[in-house]
Amino acid sequence: MLVNLPQQSKGLLQANGFSVSRSDTPASRTAVDMTIDQTINKHAKTSGGIVGFSRSLPAYYRWCVTRHNRAQYVSATCQMATIESKNYETHKESSLSERKLSEKAVKKTMDTFSAFLNPFDTERKHLLCTSSGQKVPENVADDLLKVEDVGKKSFKKFVDTRLKDKKTRFHKPLTKTKL
């Protein structure tokens, strides 16, 4: 039981005891149940599937008893015919051509980011449009820089004339503030 695992198999989990490596390829360990699916169960399948013979209890028992033997025979046949190779040197991604493609993609991504405008660059003397990178006209830049002060003045005027002094009706339409 998994509850007793720490006492029964000390260090098994740290030694990758719940995974299997079927090759010398680094970082290619697979969970035990998945490995069983890829080996014994794969080779022990029947043409009609388990449903085809599971209706007959004796046939099902025979299959359970002999499936590992069938898997061994299929695996041995594949090895003799050199269909399966256990010589895996590296992952596909480690090949020279794949590394060159990856490096090219990373460089292209870095170049793209370098070409973007940094909106937080404090060394720029002019206000720039973040979408185009173009310099904003002086009159627009001045309006944008004083918009907060204009808004605060409009708010103070609204509160004073409509709420405090009540010189103007509260629901009277607001006049548009020009920048």
N, C-alpha and C. Protein backbone atom coordinates (compact mmCIF):
# COMPACT_ATOMS: atom_id res chain seq x y z
N MET A 1 0.83 -1.19 0.00
CA MET A 1 0.00 0.00 0.00
C MET A 1 0.88 1.25 0.00
N LEU A 2 0.36 2.31 -0.58
CA LEU A 2 1.12 3.56 -0.64
C LEU A 2 1.34 4.16 0.74
N VAL A 3 0.45 3.83 1.69
CA VAL A 3 0.61 4.36 3.05
C VAL A 3 1.90 3.84 3.67
N ASN A 4 2.23 2.59 3.39
CA ASN A 4 3.42 1.96 3.97
C ASN A 4 4.67 2.15 3.13
N LEU A 5 4.57 2.87 2.03
CA LEU A 5 5.71 3.02 1.12
C LEU A 5 6.96 3.59 1.80
N PRO A 6 6.84 4.64 2.62
CA PRO A 6 8.06 5.17 3.24
C PRO A 6 8.81 4.13 4.08
N GLN A 7 8.09 3.23 4.75
CA GLN A 7 8.75 2.23 5.58
C GLN A 7 9.28 1.07 4.73
N GLN A 8 8.52 0.66 3.71
CA GLN A 8 8.89 -0.51 2.91
C GLN A 8 10.03 -0.21 1.94
N SER A 9 10.00 0.94 1.32
CA SER A 9 10.98 1.24 0.26
C SER A 9 11.59 2.61 0.50
N LYS A 10 12.44 2.67 1.48
CA LYS A 10 13.08 3.96 1.80
C LYS A 10 13.92 4.43 0.62
N GLY A 11 13.74 5.67 0.23
CA GLY A 11 14.53 6.25 -0.85
C GLY A 11 14.04 5.92 -2.25
N LEU A 12 12.98 5.11 -2.37
CA LEU A 12 12.49 4.73 -3.70
C LEU A 12 11.97 5.94 -4.47
N LEU A 13 11.22 6.79 -3.80
CA LEU A 13 10.67 7.96 -4.47
C LEU A 13 11.79 8.91 -4.91
N GLN A 14 12.79 9.10 -4.07
CA GLN A 14 13.90 9.98 -4.44
C GLN A 14 14.71 9.39 -5.59
N ALA A 15 14.70 8.08 -5.72
CA ALA A 15 15.46 7.42 -6.80
C ALA A 15 14.59 7.17 -8.03
N ASN A 16 13.54 7.98 -8.19
CA ASN A 16 12.63 7.87 -9.34
C ASN A 16 11.97 6.50 -9.42
N GLY A 17 11.55 5.98 -8.28
CA GLY A 17 10.96 4.65 -8.23
C GLY A 17 9.61 4.53 -8.89
N PHE A 18 8.96 5.62 -9.18
CA PHE A 18 7.64 5.56 -9.80
C PHE A 18 7.70 5.85 -11.29
N SER A 19 8.88 5.79 -11.86
CA SER A 19 9.01 6.01 -13.29
C SER A 19 10.00 5.02 -13.87
N VAL A 20 9.92 4.86 -15.20
CA VAL A 20 10.74 3.87 -15.89
C VAL A 20 11.43 4.57 -17.05
N SER A 21 12.69 4.22 -17.28
CA SER A 21 13.40 4.71 -18.44
C SER A 21 13.71 3.53 -19.34
N ARG A 22 13.21 3.56 -20.57
CA ARG A 22 13.43 2.46 -21.51
C ARG A 22 14.55 2.77 -22.49
N SER A 23 15.24 3.88 -22.28
CA SER A 23 16.34 4.24 -23.18
C SER A 23 17.40 5.00 -22.40
N ASP A 24 18.49 5.29 -23.07
CA ASP A 24 19.56 6.06 -22.45
C ASP A 24 19.39 7.55 -22.65
N THR A 25 18.32 7.95 -23.30
CA THR A 25 18.07 9.36 -23.56
C THR A 25 17.84 10.08 -22.23
N PRO A 26 18.54 11.19 -22.00
CA PRO A 26 18.34 11.91 -20.74
C PRO A 26 16.92 12.45 -20.63
N ALA A 27 16.42 12.48 -19.42
CA ALA A 27 15.09 13.04 -19.10
C ALA A 27 13.99 12.37 -19.90
N SER A 28 14.05 11.05 -20.03
CA SER A 28 13.01 10.36 -20.79
C SER A 28 12.28 9.33 -19.95
N ARG A 29 12.18 9.59 -18.66
CA ARG A 29 11.48 8.65 -17.78
C ARG A 29 9.98 8.80 -17.98
N THR A 30 9.26 7.69 -17.80
CA THR A 30 7.81 7.66 -18.00
C THR A 30 7.17 7.01 -16.79
N ALA A 31 5.96 7.42 -16.47
CA ALA A 31 5.24 6.81 -15.35
C ALA A 31 5.05 5.31 -15.61
N VAL A 32 5.06 4.53 -14.53
CA VAL A 32 4.99 3.08 -14.64
C VAL A 32 3.75 2.63 -15.41
N ASP A 33 2.59 3.18 -15.08
CA ASP A 33 1.36 2.73 -15.75
C ASP A 33 1.39 3.07 -17.24
N MET A 34 1.98 4.20 -17.60
CA MET A 34 2.08 4.55 -19.02
C MET A 34 3.03 3.61 -19.74
N THR A 35 4.10 3.23 -19.06
CA THR A 35 5.05 2.28 -19.67
C THR A 35 4.39 0.94 -19.92
N ILE A 36 3.58 0.49 -18.98
CA ILE A 36 2.85 -0.77 -19.17
C ILE A 36 1.93 -0.66 -20.38
N ASP A 37 1.24 0.47 -20.51
CA ASP A 37 0.37 0.68 -21.68
C ASP A 37 1.17 0.65 -22.97
N GLN A 38 2.38 1.21 -22.95
CA GLN A 38 3.20 1.28 -24.16
C GLN A 38 3.88 -0.03 -24.50
N THR A 39 3.95 -0.95 -23.57
CA THR A 39 4.65 -2.22 -23.83
C THR A 39 3.70 -3.40 -23.76
N ILE A 40 3.46 -3.92 -22.57
CA ILE A 40 2.67 -5.14 -22.41
C ILE A 40 1.27 -4.99 -22.99
N ASN A 41 0.54 -3.97 -22.58
CA ASN A 41 -0.83 -3.82 -23.06
C ASN A 41 -0.88 -3.58 -24.57
N LYS A 42 0.08 -2.85 -25.10
CA LYS A 42 0.10 -2.58 -26.54
C LYS A 42 0.26 -3.87 -27.33
N HIS A 43 1.20 -4.71 -26.90
CA HIS A 43 1.46 -5.95 -27.62
C HIS A 43 0.45 -7.04 -27.31
N ALA A 44 -0.28 -6.90 -26.21
CA ALA A 44 -1.22 -7.95 -25.81
C ALA A 44 -2.63 -7.70 -26.33
N LYS A 45 -2.83 -6.63 -27.05
CA LYS A 45 -4.17 -6.32 -27.56
C LYS A 45 -4.60 -7.36 -28.58
N THR A 46 -5.91 -7.55 -28.64
CA THR A 46 -6.46 -8.48 -29.63
C THR A 46 -7.16 -7.68 -30.70
N SER A 47 -7.45 -8.32 -31.81
CA SER A 47 -8.05 -7.60 -32.94
C SER A 47 -9.42 -7.03 -32.59
N GLY A 48 -10.19 -7.72 -31.79
CA GLY A 48 -11.52 -7.23 -31.43
C GLY A 48 -11.54 -6.43 -30.16
N GLY A 49 -10.37 -6.24 -29.55
CA GLY A 49 -10.31 -5.53 -28.29
C GLY A 49 -10.73 -6.43 -27.15
N ILE A 50 -10.67 -5.90 -25.95
CA ILE A 50 -11.01 -6.71 -24.77
C ILE A 50 -12.50 -7.05 -24.73
N VAL A 51 -13.32 -6.21 -25.35
CA VAL A 51 -14.76 -6.47 -25.35
C VAL A 51 -15.08 -7.74 -26.12
N GLY A 52 -14.30 -8.01 -27.15
CA GLY A 52 -14.58 -9.18 -27.99
C GLY A 52 -14.50 -10.49 -27.25
N PHE A 53 -13.61 -10.63 -26.29
CA PHE A 53 -13.48 -11.92 -25.60
C PHE A 53 -13.83 -11.84 -24.12
N SER A 54 -14.12 -10.64 -23.59
CA SER A 54 -14.40 -10.53 -22.16
C SER A 54 -15.77 -11.07 -21.79
N ARG A 55 -16.58 -11.38 -22.76
CA ARG A 55 -17.90 -11.96 -22.46
C ARG A 55 -17.76 -13.43 -22.06
N SER A 56 -16.65 -14.03 -22.44
CA SER A 56 -16.39 -15.42 -22.06
C SER A 56 -15.36 -15.40 -20.94
N LEU A 57 -15.77 -15.81 -19.75
CA LEU A 57 -14.89 -15.77 -18.59
C LEU A 57 -13.63 -16.62 -18.78
N PRO A 58 -13.71 -17.84 -19.31
CA PRO A 58 -12.48 -18.61 -19.52
C PRO A 58 -11.52 -17.93 -20.52
N ALA A 59 -12.07 -17.31 -21.57
CA ALA A 59 -11.22 -16.62 -22.55
C ALA A 59 -10.53 -15.42 -21.90
N TYR A 60 -11.25 -14.72 -21.06
CA TYR A 60 -10.67 -13.58 -20.36
C TYR A 60 -9.54 -14.02 -19.44
N TYR A 61 -9.75 -15.11 -18.69
CA TYR A 61 -8.71 -15.62 -17.80
C TYR A 61 -7.47 -16.04 -18.60
N ARG A 62 -7.66 -16.70 -19.74
CA ARG A 62 -6.53 -17.10 -20.58
C ARG A 62 -5.75 -15.87 -21.04
N TRP A 63 -6.49 -14.84 -21.43
CA TRP A 63 -5.84 -13.61 -21.89
C TRP A 63 -5.01 -13.00 -20.76
N CYS A 64 -5.57 -12.94 -19.54
CA CYS A 64 -4.85 -12.37 -18.39
C CYS A 64 -3.58 -13.15 -18.09
N VAL A 65 -3.66 -14.47 -18.20
CA VAL A 65 -2.52 -15.32 -17.86
C VAL A 65 -1.43 -15.25 -18.93
N THR A 66 -1.82 -15.09 -20.19
CA THR A 66 -0.84 -15.19 -21.29
C THR A 66 -0.45 -13.86 -21.91
N ARG A 67 -1.06 -12.76 -21.52
CA ARG A 67 -0.79 -11.49 -22.22
C ARG A 67 0.66 -11.05 -22.09
N HIS A 68 1.29 -11.28 -20.93
CA HIS A 68 2.69 -10.87 -20.78
C HIS A 68 3.60 -11.71 -21.68
N ASN A 69 3.25 -12.99 -21.88
CA ASN A 69 4.05 -13.83 -22.79
C ASN A 69 3.92 -13.33 -24.22
N ARG A 70 2.70 -13.01 -24.60
CA ARG A 70 2.46 -12.50 -25.96
C ARG A 70 3.25 -11.21 -26.17
N ALA A 71 3.26 -10.35 -25.17
CA ALA A 71 4.00 -9.10 -25.27
C ALA A 71 5.49 -9.35 -25.42
N GLN A 72 6.02 -10.33 -24.69
CA GLN A 72 7.44 -10.66 -24.81
C GLN A 72 7.77 -11.17 -26.21
N TYR A 73 6.90 -12.01 -26.77
CA TYR A 73 7.14 -12.55 -28.12
C TYR A 73 7.14 -11.43 -29.16
N VAL A 74 6.17 -10.53 -29.05
CA VAL A 74 6.09 -9.43 -30.01
C VAL A 74 7.32 -8.54 -29.88
N SER A 75 7.71 -8.24 -28.64
CA SER A 75 8.87 -7.39 -28.42
C SER A 75 10.15 -8.04 -28.95
N ALA A 76 10.31 -9.35 -28.69
CA ALA A 76 11.50 -10.07 -29.18
C ALA A 76 11.53 -10.10 -30.70
N THR A 77 10.37 -10.28 -31.33
CA THR A 77 10.29 -10.29 -32.79
C THR A 77 10.69 -8.92 -33.34
N CYS A 78 10.20 -7.87 -32.73
CA CYS A 78 10.54 -6.51 -33.18
C CYS A 78 12.04 -6.25 -33.03
N GLN A 79 12.63 -6.73 -31.95
CA GLN A 79 14.07 -6.54 -31.75
C GLN A 79 14.87 -7.32 -32.79
N MET A 80 14.44 -8.55 -33.09
CA MET A 80 15.15 -9.35 -34.08
C MET A 80 15.07 -8.72 -35.46
N ALA A 81 13.95 -8.08 -35.74
CA ALA A 81 13.76 -7.44 -37.04
C ALA A 81 14.28 -6.00 -37.03
N THR A 82 14.91 -5.60 -35.94
CA THR A 82 15.42 -4.24 -35.72
C THR A 82 14.37 -3.17 -35.98
N ILE A 83 13.14 -3.50 -35.61
CA ILE A 83 12.06 -2.51 -35.72
C ILE A 83 12.16 -1.54 -34.56
N GLU A 84 12.49 -2.06 -33.39
CA GLU A 84 12.64 -1.20 -32.22
C GLU A 84 14.12 -1.03 -31.94
N SER A 85 14.52 0.18 -31.66
CA SER A 85 15.91 0.44 -31.33
C SER A 85 15.97 1.01 -29.93
N LYS A 86 16.85 0.50 -29.12
CA LYS A 86 17.00 1.01 -27.76
C LYS A 86 18.14 2.02 -27.69
N ASN A 87 18.70 2.34 -28.84
CA ASN A 87 19.82 3.27 -28.87
C ASN A 87 19.31 4.67 -29.21
N TYR A 88 18.93 5.41 -28.19
CA TYR A 88 18.48 6.77 -28.38
C TYR A 88 19.57 7.67 -27.82
N GLU A 89 20.22 8.42 -28.67
CA GLU A 89 21.33 9.23 -28.19
C GLU A 89 20.85 10.50 -27.51
N THR A 90 20.03 11.27 -28.20
CA THR A 90 19.57 12.53 -27.63
C THR A 90 18.15 12.80 -28.10
N HIS A 91 17.58 13.83 -27.53
CA HIS A 91 16.26 14.26 -27.97
C HIS A 91 16.38 14.95 -29.33
N LYS A 92 15.29 14.94 -30.07
CA LYS A 92 15.27 15.58 -31.39
C LYS A 92 15.62 17.07 -31.27
N GLU A 93 15.13 17.69 -30.19
CA GLU A 93 15.35 19.12 -30.00
C GLU A 93 16.81 19.47 -29.78
N SER A 94 17.64 18.47 -29.46
CA SER A 94 19.06 18.72 -29.21
C SER A 94 19.91 18.65 -30.47
N SER A 95 19.32 18.30 -31.58
CA SER A 95 20.10 18.19 -32.82
C SER A 95 20.57 19.58 -33.26
N LEU A 96 21.62 19.60 -34.03
CA LEU A 96 22.21 20.86 -34.47
C LEU A 96 21.22 21.72 -35.25
N SER A 97 20.48 21.10 -36.16
CA SER A 97 19.53 21.87 -36.98
C SER A 97 18.40 22.45 -36.12
N GLU A 98 17.91 21.67 -35.15
CA GLU A 98 16.85 22.18 -34.28
C GLU A 98 17.36 23.31 -33.39
N ARG A 99 18.60 23.19 -32.91
CA ARG A 99 19.16 24.26 -32.08
C ARG A 99 19.32 25.53 -32.89
N LYS A 100 19.75 25.41 -34.14
CA LYS A 100 19.91 26.60 -34.99
C LYS A 100 18.56 27.27 -35.23
N LEU A 101 17.52 26.46 -35.48
CA LEU A 101 16.18 27.02 -35.68
C LEU A 101 15.71 27.73 -34.41
N SER A 102 15.94 27.12 -33.25
CA SER A 102 15.52 27.72 -31.99
C SER A 102 16.26 29.03 -31.73
N GLU A 103 17.57 29.03 -31.98
CA GLU A 103 18.35 30.25 -31.78
C GLU A 103 17.89 31.36 -32.71
N LYS A 104 17.56 31.00 -33.93
CA LYS A 104 17.07 31.99 -34.90
C LYS A 104 15.73 32.57 -34.43
N ALA A 105 14.85 31.72 -33.90
CA ALA A 105 13.55 32.19 -33.42
C ALA A 105 13.71 33.09 -32.20
N VAL A 106 14.61 32.74 -31.29
CA VAL A 106 14.85 33.57 -30.11
C VAL A 106 15.43 34.92 -30.52
N LYS A 107 16.38 34.93 -31.45
CA LYS A 107 16.99 36.18 -31.92
C LYS A 107 15.93 37.07 -32.57
N LYS A 108 15.07 36.47 -33.37
CA LYS A 108 14.01 37.23 -34.04
C LYS A 108 13.07 37.84 -33.00
N THR A 109 12.73 37.08 -31.97
CA THR A 109 11.86 37.59 -30.91
C THR A 109 12.53 38.73 -30.16
N MET A 110 13.80 38.57 -29.83
CA MET A 110 14.52 39.63 -29.12
C MET A 110 14.64 40.89 -29.97
N ASP A 111 14.89 40.73 -31.27
CA ASP A 111 14.97 41.89 -32.17
C ASP A 111 13.63 42.62 -32.23
N THR A 112 12.56 41.86 -32.25
CA THR A 112 11.22 42.47 -32.29
C THR A 112 10.98 43.29 -31.03
N PHE A 113 11.30 42.72 -29.86
CA PHE A 113 11.10 43.46 -28.61
C PHE A 113 12.01 44.68 -28.54
N SER A 114 13.22 44.56 -29.05
CA SER A 114 14.14 45.71 -29.04
C SER A 114 13.63 46.84 -29.92
N ALA A 115 12.91 46.49 -30.98
CA ALA A 115 12.39 47.51 -31.89
C ALA A 115 11.20 48.26 -31.30
N PHE A 116 10.55 47.66 -30.30
CA PHE A 116 9.40 48.34 -29.69
C PHE A 116 9.87 49.55 -28.90
N LEU A 117 8.96 50.48 -28.72
CA LEU A 117 9.23 51.69 -27.97
C LEU A 117 9.02 51.41 -26.49
N ASN A 118 9.94 51.84 -25.67
CA ASN A 118 9.79 51.70 -24.23
C ASN A 118 9.07 52.95 -23.72
N PRO A 119 7.80 52.83 -23.32
CA PRO A 119 7.05 54.01 -22.89
C PRO A 119 7.53 54.58 -21.56
N PHE A 120 8.36 53.85 -20.84
CA PHE A 120 8.83 54.31 -19.53
C PHE A 120 10.25 54.86 -19.58
N ASP A 121 10.77 55.06 -20.77
CA ASP A 121 12.12 55.59 -20.92
C ASP A 121 12.10 57.07 -20.52
N THR A 122 12.81 57.41 -19.45
CA THR A 122 12.77 58.79 -18.93
C THR A 122 13.78 59.70 -19.61
N GLU A 123 14.63 59.18 -20.46
CA GLU A 123 15.65 60.00 -21.11
C GLU A 123 15.13 60.72 -22.35
N ARG A 124 13.95 60.41 -22.79
CA ARG A 124 13.40 61.06 -23.99
C ARG A 124 12.93 62.47 -23.63
N LYS A 125 13.19 63.41 -24.54
CA LYS A 125 12.81 64.80 -24.30
C LYS A 125 11.41 65.11 -24.81
N HIS A 126 10.91 64.28 -25.71
CA HIS A 126 9.61 64.53 -26.32
C HIS A 126 8.64 63.42 -25.96
N LEU A 127 7.36 63.78 -25.96
CA LEU A 127 6.31 62.79 -25.74
C LEU A 127 6.10 62.02 -27.04
N LEU A 128 6.06 60.68 -26.94
CA LEU A 128 5.93 59.84 -28.14
C LEU A 128 4.64 59.03 -28.08
N CYS A 129 4.09 58.77 -29.24
CA CYS A 129 2.91 57.91 -29.36
C CYS A 129 3.39 56.46 -29.22
N THR A 130 2.81 55.70 -28.27
CA THR A 130 3.30 54.34 -28.02
C THR A 130 2.97 53.39 -29.16
N SER A 131 1.91 53.62 -29.90
CA SER A 131 1.55 52.68 -30.98
C SER A 131 2.40 52.88 -32.23
N SER A 132 2.76 54.14 -32.53
CA SER A 132 3.52 54.39 -33.76
C SER A 132 4.99 54.73 -33.49
N GLY A 133 5.29 55.21 -32.28
CA GLY A 133 6.65 55.63 -31.97
C GLY A 133 6.97 57.02 -32.49
N GLN A 134 5.99 57.70 -33.08
CA GLN A 134 6.21 59.04 -33.64
C GLN A 134 6.12 60.10 -32.55
N LYS A 135 6.80 61.20 -32.77
CA LYS A 135 6.76 62.33 -31.85
C LYS A 135 5.37 62.98 -31.90
N VAL A 136 4.82 63.27 -30.73
CA VAL A 136 3.49 63.90 -30.64
C VAL A 136 3.66 65.40 -30.88
N PRO A 137 2.75 66.04 -31.65
CA PRO A 137 2.85 67.49 -31.87
C PRO A 137 2.85 68.25 -30.53
N GLU A 138 3.54 69.41 -30.50
CA GLU A 138 3.72 70.17 -29.26
C GLU A 138 2.40 70.55 -28.60
N ASN A 139 1.41 71.00 -29.40
CA ASN A 139 0.14 71.43 -28.80
C ASN A 139 -0.59 70.25 -28.14
N VAL A 140 -0.52 69.07 -28.76
CA VAL A 140 -1.15 67.88 -28.19
C VAL A 140 -0.41 67.47 -26.92
N ALA A 141 0.91 67.52 -26.94
CA ALA A 141 1.71 67.15 -25.77
C ALA A 141 1.40 68.09 -24.61
N ASP A 142 1.29 69.39 -24.88
CA ASP A 142 0.97 70.35 -23.82
C ASP A 142 -0.40 70.07 -23.22
N ASP A 143 -1.39 69.80 -24.08
CA ASP A 143 -2.74 69.49 -23.60
C ASP A 143 -2.74 68.22 -22.73
N LEU A 144 -2.02 67.20 -23.16
CA LEU A 144 -1.97 65.95 -22.39
C LEU A 144 -1.29 66.14 -21.04
N LEU A 145 -0.28 67.01 -21.01
CA LEU A 145 0.45 67.23 -19.77
C LEU A 145 -0.35 68.05 -18.76
N LYS A 146 -1.29 68.87 -19.22
CA LYS A 146 -2.07 69.67 -18.27
C LYS A 146 -3.51 69.17 -18.09
N VAL A 147 -3.84 68.01 -18.65
CA VAL A 147 -5.21 67.51 -18.58
C VAL A 147 -5.64 67.22 -17.14
N GLU A 148 -4.73 66.77 -16.29
CA GLU A 148 -5.10 66.47 -14.90
C GLU A 148 -5.47 67.75 -14.15
N ASP A 149 -4.69 68.81 -14.33
CA ASP A 149 -5.00 70.08 -13.66
C ASP A 149 -6.33 70.65 -14.15
N VAL A 150 -6.57 70.58 -15.45
CA VAL A 150 -7.83 71.07 -16.02
C VAL A 150 -9.00 70.28 -15.43
N GLY A 151 -8.85 68.97 -15.30
CA GLY A 151 -9.91 68.13 -14.73
C GLY A 151 -10.19 68.46 -13.28
N LYS A 152 -9.14 68.71 -12.50
CA LYS A 152 -9.32 69.06 -11.09
C LYS A 152 -10.05 70.40 -10.94
N LYS A 153 -9.69 71.37 -11.81
CA LYS A 153 -10.37 72.68 -11.77
C LYS A 153 -11.84 72.54 -12.12
N SER A 154 -12.15 71.71 -13.14
CA SER A 154 -13.55 71.50 -13.54
C SER A 154 -14.32 70.82 -12.42
N PHE A 155 -13.72 69.87 -11.74
CA PHE A 155 -14.38 69.18 -10.64
C PHE A 155 -14.67 70.15 -9.50
N LYS A 156 -13.68 71.01 -9.15
CA LYS A 156 -13.87 71.98 -8.07
C LYS A 156 -14.99 72.95 -8.41
N LYS A 157 -15.01 73.40 -9.66
CA LYS A 157 -16.07 74.32 -10.11
C LYS A 157 -17.44 73.65 -10.01
N PHE A 158 -17.53 72.36 -10.40
CA PHE A 158 -18.79 71.61 -10.33
C PHE A 158 -19.28 71.52 -8.89
N VAL A 159 -18.39 71.16 -7.98
CA VAL A 159 -18.77 71.01 -6.57
C VAL A 159 -19.19 72.36 -5.99
N ASP A 160 -18.42 73.41 -6.29
CA ASP A 160 -18.73 74.73 -5.72
C ASP A 160 -20.06 75.27 -6.24
N THR A 161 -20.28 75.26 -7.55
CA THR A 161 -21.48 75.90 -8.12
C THR A 161 -22.74 75.06 -7.99
N ARG A 162 -22.63 73.74 -7.95
CA ARG A 162 -23.83 72.89 -7.96
C ARG A 162 -24.14 72.26 -6.61
N LEU A 163 -23.14 72.03 -5.79
CA LEU A 163 -23.40 71.37 -4.51
C LEU A 163 -23.32 72.32 -3.33
N LYS A 164 -22.28 73.16 -3.28
CA LYS A 164 -22.12 74.07 -2.14
C LYS A 164 -23.03 75.29 -2.26
N ASP A 165 -22.79 76.11 -3.29
CA ASP A 165 -23.52 77.36 -3.45
C ASP A 165 -24.89 77.17 -4.08
N LYS A 166 -25.06 76.11 -4.83
CA LYS A 166 -26.31 75.79 -5.54
C LYS A 166 -26.75 76.93 -6.45
N LYS A 167 -25.76 77.59 -7.11
CA LYS A 167 -26.05 78.66 -8.06
C LYS A 167 -26.54 78.08 -9.37
N THR A 168 -26.11 76.86 -9.67
CA THR A 168 -26.48 76.19 -10.91
C THR A 168 -27.22 74.91 -10.54
N ARG A 169 -28.26 74.59 -11.35
CA ARG A 169 -28.99 73.33 -11.10
C ARG A 169 -28.03 72.15 -11.23
N PHE A 170 -28.24 71.15 -10.39
CA PHE A 170 -27.36 69.98 -10.39
C PHE A 170 -27.42 69.23 -11.71
N HIS A 171 -28.61 69.10 -12.31
CA HIS A 171 -28.80 68.30 -13.53
C HIS A 171 -28.61 69.09 -14.82
N LYS A 172 -28.18 70.34 -14.74
CA LYS A 172 -27.92 71.11 -15.94
C LYS A 172 -26.75 70.47 -16.69
N PRO A 173 -26.83 70.34 -18.02
CA PRO A 173 -25.74 69.71 -18.79
C PRO A 173 -24.41 70.43 -18.56
N LEU A 174 -23.35 69.65 -18.54
CA LEU A 174 -22.01 70.20 -18.36
C LEU A 174 -21.51 70.77 -19.68
N THR A 175 -20.73 71.84 -19.56
CA THR A 175 -20.11 72.38 -20.77
C THR A 175 -18.82 71.59 -21.03
N LYS A 176 -18.53 71.41 -22.29
CA LYS A 176 -17.35 70.65 -22.68
C LYS A 176 -16.09 71.46 -22.38
N THR A 177 -15.15 70.83 -21.73
CA THR A 177 -13.89 71.50 -21.41
C THR A 177 -12.97 71.41 -22.61
N LYS A 178 -12.44 72.55 -23.02
CA LYS A 178 -11.56 72.57 -24.19
C LYS A 178 -10.12 72.52 -23.73
N LEU A 179 -9.35 71.71 -24.41
CA LEU A 179 -7.92 71.64 -24.12
C LEU A 179 -7.14 72.35 -25.20
